Amino acid sequence: MGLFDNVKAALGPAKDKVTDLARQHGDKVQGGIDKAAHVVDERTKGKYTDKIHAGTDKAKEAVDRLGQEGRKPGEGGPQTPPQTPPQS
């Protein structure tokens, strides 16, 4: 087994844990990303706003991908409740 294989095997459980956390708390993670972006933008006085927003968008996409990883189509995730007809 090479070094890369050893590292990959060691990080496997960590990836599973991160994927599970992204599924359960994706909205909280994305809120934290927004807060961090806002703080950095304030401290840099808006000098890097475009770059901060680009990085924020990529981070949010990564969280979404992790949250969806391993799911079958139609499994889990936000769902719209069935509409019930009005009663007369």
C-alpha atoms as a PDB file:
ATOM      1  CA  MET A   1       0.000   0.000   0.000  1.00  0.00           C
ATOM      2  CA  GLY A   2       1.363   3.407  -0.967  1.00  0.00           C
ATOM      3  CA  LEU A   3       1.297   6.599   1.046  1.00  0.00           C
ATOM      4  CA  PHE A   4      -1.716   7.908  -0.861  1.00  0.00           C
ATOM      5  CA  ASP A   5      -3.666   4.730  -0.133  1.00  0.00           C
ATOM      6  CA  ASN A   6      -2.830   5.010   3.579  1.00  0.00           C
ATOM      7  CA  VAL A   7      -3.978   8.627   3.712  1.00  0.00           C
ATOM      8  CA  LYS A   8      -7.148   7.824   1.777  1.00  0.00           C
ATOM      9  CA  ALA A   9      -7.958   4.927   4.130  1.00  0.00           C
ATOM     10  CA  ALA A  10      -7.346   7.098   7.197  1.00  0.00           C
ATOM     11  CA  LEU A  11      -9.561   9.926   5.923  1.00  0.00           C
ATOM     12  CA  GLY A  12     -12.464   7.691   4.884  1.00  0.00           C
ATOM     13  CA  PRO A  13     -14.219   7.752   8.274  1.00  0.00           C
ATOM     14  CA  ALA A  14     -13.682  11.522   8.546  1.00  0.00           C
ATOM     15  CA  LYS A  15     -15.353  12.060   5.166  1.00  0.00           C
ATOM     16  CA  ASP A  16     -18.309   9.938   6.253  1.00  0.00           C
ATOM     17  CA  LYS A  17     -18.643  12.011   9.412  1.00  0.00           C
ATOM     18  CA  VAL A  18     -18.478  15.293   7.486  1.00  0.00           C
ATOM     19  CA  THR A  19     -21.056  14.030   4.989  1.00  0.00           C
ATOM     20  CA  ASP A  20     -23.383  13.050   7.835  1.00  0.00           C
ATOM     21  CA  LEU A  21     -22.961  16.439   9.518  1.00  0.00           C
ATOM     22  CA  ALA A  22     -23.621  18.246   6.221  1.00  0.00           C
ATOM     23  CA  ARG A  23     -26.878  16.295   5.859  1.00  0.00           C
ATOM     24  CA  GLN A  24     -28.032  17.047   9.393  1.00  0.00           C
ATOM     25  CA  HIS A  25     -26.793  20.625   9.816  1.00  0.00           C
ATOM     26  CA  GLY A  26     -26.259  22.004   6.320  1.00  0.00           C
ATOM     27  CA  ASP A  27     -28.386  25.076   7.006  1.00  0.00           C
ATOM     28  CA  LYS A  28     -26.378  25.916  10.136  1.00  0.00           C
ATOM     29  CA  VAL A  29     -23.082  25.450   8.291  1.00  0.00           C
ATOM     30  CA  GLN A  30     -24.241  27.744   5.510  1.00  0.00           C
ATOM     31  CA  GLY A  31     -25.316  30.331   8.085  1.00  0.00           C
ATOM     32  CA  GLY A  32     -21.834  30.152   9.610  1.00  0.00           C
ATOM     33  CA  ILE A  33     -20.288  30.625   6.182  1.00  0.00           C
ATOM     34  CA  ASP A  34     -22.416  33.748   5.681  1.00  0.00           C
ATOM     35  CA  LYS A  35     -21.431  35.138   9.094  1.00  0.00           C
ATOM     36  CA  ALA A  36     -17.738  34.531   8.473  1.00  0.00           C
ATOM     37  CA  ALA A  37     -17.967  36.158   5.033  1.00  0.00           C
ATOM     38  CA  HIS A  38     -19.677  39.197   6.531  1.00  0.00           C
ATOM     39  CA  VAL A  39     -17.010  39.608   9.226  1.00  0.00           C
ATOM     40  CA  VAL A  40     -14.151  39.273   6.725  1.00  0.00           C
ATOM     41  CA  ASP A  41     -15.845  41.714   4.353  1.00  0.00           C
ATOM     42  CA  GLU A  42     -16.231  44.275   7.154  1.00  0.00           C
ATOM     43  CA  ARG A  43     -12.632  43.911   8.309  1.00  0.00           C
ATOM     44  CA  THR A  44     -11.282  44.322   4.786  1.00  0.00           C
ATOM     45  CA  LYS A  45     -13.602  47.331   4.319  1.00  0.00           C
ATOM     46  CA  GLY A  46     -15.195  45.809   1.219  1.00  0.00           C
ATOM     47  CA  LYS A  47     -11.932  45.624  -0.684  1.00  0.00           C
ATOM     48  CA  TYR A  48     -12.379  41.913  -1.513  1.00  0.00           C
ATOM     49  CA  THR A  49     -16.175  41.667  -1.608  1.00  0.00           C
ATOM     50  CA  ASP A  50     -16.295  39.942  -5.010  1.00  0.00           C
ATOM     51  CA  LYS A  51     -13.709  37.350  -4.029  1.00  0.00           C
ATOM     52  CA  ILE A  52     -15.381  36.740  -0.666  1.00  0.00           C
ATOM     53  CA  HIS A  53     -18.757  36.158  -2.326  1.00  0.00           C
ATOM     54  CA  ALA A  54     -17.218  33.830  -4.911  1.00  0.00           C
ATOM     55  CA  GLY A  55     -15.563  31.784  -2.150  1.00  0.00           C
ATOM     56  CA  THR A  56     -18.756  31.766  -0.110  1.00  0.00           C
ATOM     57  CA  ASP A  57     -20.753  30.463  -3.065  1.00  0.00           C
ATOM     58  CA  LYS A  58     -18.244  27.670  -3.688  1.00  0.00           C
ATOM     59  CA  ALA A  59     -18.238  26.694  -0.009  1.00  0.00           C
ATOM     60  CA  LYS A  60     -22.042  26.542   0.046  1.00  0.00           C
ATOM     61  CA  GLU A  61     -22.073  24.399  -3.104  1.00  0.00           C
ATOM     62  CA  ALA A  62     -19.600  22.026  -1.459  1.00  0.00           C
ATOM     63  CA  VAL A  63     -21.822  21.723   1.623  1.00  0.00           C
ATOM     64  CA  ASP A  64     -24.805  21.005  -0.631  1.00  0.00           C
ATOM     65  CA  ARG A  65     -22.870  18.335  -2.529  1.00  0.00           C
ATOM     66  CA  LEU A  66     -21.738  16.681   0.699  1.00  0.00           C
ATOM     67  CA  GLY A  67     -25.274  16.770   2.060  1.00  0.00           C
ATOM     68  CA  GLN A  68     -26.605  15.033  -1.039  1.00  0.00           C
ATOM     69  CA  GLU A  69     -23.797  12.485  -1.348  1.00  0.00           C
ATOM     70  CA  GLY A  70     -24.896   8.899  -0.983  1.00  0.00           C
ATOM     71  CA  ARG A  71     -28.594   9.684  -1.252  1.00  0.00           C
ATOM     72  CA  LYS A  72     -30.790   8.065  -3.810  1.00  0.00           C
ATOM     73  CA  PRO A  73     -32.942  10.362  -5.966  1.00  0.00           C
ATOM     74  CA  GLY A  74     -36.063  11.312  -4.046  1.00  0.00           C
ATOM     75  CA  GLU A  75     -34.613  10.209  -0.716  1.00  0.00           C
ATOM     76  CA  GLY A  76     -34.426  12.667   2.171  1.00  0.00           C
ATOM     77  CA  GLY A  77     -33.973  16.374   1.789  1.00  0.00           C
ATOM     78  CA  PRO A  78     -36.628  19.041   1.940  1.00  0.00           C
ATOM     79  CA  GLN A  79     -39.916  17.920   0.569  1.00  0.00           C
ATOM     80  CA  THR A  80     -43.162  19.696  -0.132  1.00  0.00           C
ATOM     81  CA  PRO A  81     -46.037  18.269   1.874  1.00  0.00           C
ATOM     82  CA  PRO A  82     -48.899  16.884  -0.192  1.00  0.00           C
ATOM     83  CA  GLN A  83     -51.687  19.341  -0.816  1.00  0.00           C
ATOM     84  CA  THR A  84     -54.996  18.430   0.723  1.00  0.00           C
ATOM     85  CA  PRO A  85     -58.172  19.548  -0.997  1.00  0.00           C
ATOM     86  CA  PRO A  86     -60.267  22.085   0.932  1.00  0.00           C
ATOM     87  CA  GLN A  87     -63.150  20.551   2.798  1.00  0.00           C
ATOM     88  CA  SER A  88     -66.636  21.732   1.891  1.00  0.00           C
END
